[in-house]
Amino acid sequence: MKELVKYRINKSKETLKDAKLLFDKGSLFSSVNRLYYSAFAEADAASLTQAL
């Protein structure tokens, strides 16, 4: 389970980096989309820690 939490946190960080790159290139819609999934992955990781 801890590995899954780490995976989700890493996925969140990677997706956040993607969002920043897209924003810098002027792609606002895609940036917001990546921000959503970054937050979702982080929330998923947080919910998994409750199960530990």
N, C-alpha and C. Protein backbone atom coordinates (compact mmCIF):
# COMPACT_ATOMS: atom_id res chain seq x y z
N MET A 1 0.83 -1.20 0.00
CA MET A 1 0.00 0.00 0.00
C MET A 1 0.88 1.26 0.00
N LYS A 2 1.97 1.23 0.75
CA LYS A 2 2.84 2.41 0.80
C LYS A 2 3.43 2.74 -0.57
N GLU A 3 3.70 1.69 -1.35
CA GLU A 3 4.24 1.91 -2.69
C GLU A 3 3.21 2.62 -3.57
N LEU A 4 1.95 2.28 -3.39
CA LEU A 4 0.89 2.93 -4.17
C LEU A 4 0.77 4.40 -3.79
N VAL A 5 0.90 4.71 -2.51
CA VAL A 5 0.86 6.11 -2.07
C VAL A 5 2.02 6.88 -2.69
N LYS A 6 3.21 6.30 -2.66
CA LYS A 6 4.38 6.95 -3.26
C LYS A 6 4.18 7.16 -4.77
N TYR A 7 3.62 6.14 -5.41
CA TYR A 7 3.36 6.25 -6.85
C TYR A 7 2.41 7.41 -7.14
N ARG A 8 1.32 7.51 -6.37
CA ARG A 8 0.34 8.58 -6.58
C ARG A 8 0.95 9.95 -6.34
N ILE A 9 1.78 10.08 -5.32
CA ILE A 9 2.43 11.37 -5.03
C ILE A 9 3.38 11.74 -6.17
N ASN A 10 4.15 10.77 -6.63
CA ASN A 10 5.06 11.03 -7.76
C ASN A 10 4.29 11.39 -9.02
N LYS A 11 3.18 10.71 -9.24
CA LYS A 11 2.33 11.02 -10.41
C LYS A 11 1.79 12.45 -10.31
N SER A 12 1.40 12.84 -9.10
CA SER A 12 0.91 14.19 -8.88
C SER A 12 1.98 15.23 -9.20
N LYS A 13 3.18 14.99 -8.73
CA LYS A 13 4.29 15.92 -8.98
C LYS A 13 4.61 16.03 -10.47
N GLU A 14 4.63 14.88 -11.14
CA GLU A 14 4.91 14.86 -12.57
C GLU A 14 3.82 15.61 -13.35
N THR A 15 2.59 15.38 -12.97
CA THR A 15 1.47 16.03 -13.65
C THR A 15 1.48 17.54 -13.39
N LEU A 16 1.89 17.94 -12.20
CA LEU A 16 2.00 19.37 -11.90
C LEU A 16 3.07 20.02 -12.76
N LYS A 17 4.19 19.33 -12.95
CA LYS A 17 5.23 19.86 -13.84
C LYS A 17 4.70 20.03 -15.26
N ASP A 18 3.93 19.05 -15.72
CA ASP A 18 3.32 19.15 -17.05
C ASP A 18 2.40 20.37 -17.13
N ALA A 19 1.63 20.59 -16.07
CA ALA A 19 0.71 21.73 -16.05
C ALA A 19 1.47 23.05 -16.17
N LYS A 20 2.58 23.15 -15.46
CA LYS A 20 3.39 24.38 -15.53
C LYS A 20 3.94 24.60 -16.92
N LEU A 21 4.43 23.53 -17.56
CA LEU A 21 4.96 23.64 -18.92
C LEU A 21 3.87 24.08 -19.90
N LEU A 22 2.71 23.47 -19.78
CA LEU A 22 1.60 23.83 -20.67
C LEU A 22 1.16 25.28 -20.45
N PHE A 23 1.13 25.70 -19.20
CA PHE A 23 0.75 27.08 -18.91
C PHE A 23 1.74 28.06 -19.52
N ASP A 24 3.04 27.75 -19.37
CA ASP A 24 4.08 28.62 -19.93
C ASP A 24 4.00 28.71 -21.45
N LYS A 25 3.46 27.67 -22.08
CA LYS A 25 3.32 27.67 -23.54
C LYS A 25 1.98 28.27 -23.99
N GLY A 26 1.17 28.71 -23.01
CA GLY A 26 -0.07 29.39 -23.35
C GLY A 26 -1.27 28.46 -23.51
N SER A 27 -1.12 27.23 -23.12
CA SER A 27 -2.21 26.27 -23.26
C SER A 27 -2.98 26.18 -21.94
N LEU A 28 -3.84 27.14 -21.71
CA LEU A 28 -4.54 27.26 -20.43
C LEU A 28 -5.47 26.09 -20.16
N PHE A 29 -6.28 25.69 -21.14
CA PHE A 29 -7.22 24.60 -20.93
C PHE A 29 -6.50 23.31 -20.55
N SER A 30 -5.45 22.98 -21.28
CA SER A 30 -4.70 21.76 -20.98
C SER A 30 -3.98 21.86 -19.65
N SER A 31 -3.53 23.04 -19.31
CA SER A 31 -2.88 23.25 -18.01
C SER A 31 -3.85 23.00 -16.86
N VAL A 32 -5.05 23.52 -16.98
CA VAL A 32 -6.06 23.31 -15.95
C VAL A 32 -6.41 21.83 -15.86
N ASN A 33 -6.48 21.16 -16.99
CA ASN A 33 -6.74 19.73 -17.00
C ASN A 33 -5.67 18.97 -16.22
N ARG A 34 -4.41 19.29 -16.45
CA ARG A 34 -3.31 18.63 -15.74
C ARG A 34 -3.34 18.98 -14.25
N LEU A 35 -3.71 20.22 -13.92
CA LEU A 35 -3.83 20.60 -12.51
C LEU A 35 -4.90 19.78 -11.80
N TYR A 36 -6.00 19.55 -12.49
CA TYR A 36 -7.07 18.74 -11.93
C TYR A 36 -6.56 17.34 -11.59
N TYR A 37 -5.87 16.72 -12.55
CA TYR A 37 -5.40 15.36 -12.31
C TYR A 37 -4.27 15.32 -11.28
N SER A 38 -3.50 16.38 -11.19
CA SER A 38 -2.48 16.45 -10.15
C SER A 38 -3.14 16.47 -8.77
N ALA A 39 -4.16 17.29 -8.63
CA ALA A 39 -4.89 17.36 -7.36
C ALA A 39 -5.61 16.04 -7.06
N PHE A 40 -6.15 15.42 -8.09
CA PHE A 40 -6.83 14.14 -7.91
C PHE A 40 -5.87 13.07 -7.40
N ALA A 41 -4.67 12.99 -7.99
CA ALA A 41 -3.68 12.00 -7.57
C ALA A 41 -3.24 12.26 -6.13
N GLU A 42 -3.10 13.52 -5.77
CA GLU A 42 -2.71 13.88 -4.40
C GLU A 42 -3.82 13.51 -3.42
N ALA A 43 -5.05 13.79 -3.77
CA ALA A 43 -6.18 13.43 -2.90
C ALA A 43 -6.30 11.92 -2.78
N ASP A 44 -6.06 11.22 -3.87
CA ASP A 44 -6.10 9.76 -3.83
C ASP A 44 -5.03 9.22 -2.88
N ALA A 45 -3.83 9.79 -2.95
CA ALA A 45 -2.76 9.37 -2.05
C ALA A 45 -3.13 9.64 -0.60
N ALA A 46 -3.73 10.80 -0.35
CA ALA A 46 -4.14 11.13 1.02
C ALA A 46 -5.20 10.16 1.51
N SER A 47 -6.13 9.80 0.66
CA SER A 47 -7.19 8.86 1.10
C SER A 47 -6.61 7.47 1.36
N LEU A 48 -5.60 7.10 0.60
CA LEU A 48 -4.96 5.79 0.81
C LEU A 48 -4.23 5.74 2.14
N THR A 49 -3.70 6.88 2.59
CA THR A 49 -3.00 6.87 3.88
C THR A 49 -3.96 6.62 5.03
N GLN A 50 -5.23 6.94 4.85
CA GLN A 50 -6.22 6.68 5.87
C GLN A 50 -6.47 5.18 6.04
N ALA A 51 -6.20 4.44 4.98
CA ALA A 51 -6.41 3.00 5.03
C ALA A 51 -5.23 2.26 5.63
N LEU A 52 -4.09 2.96 5.81
CA LEU A 52 -2.90 2.29 6.34
C LEU A 52 -3.01 1.98 7.80
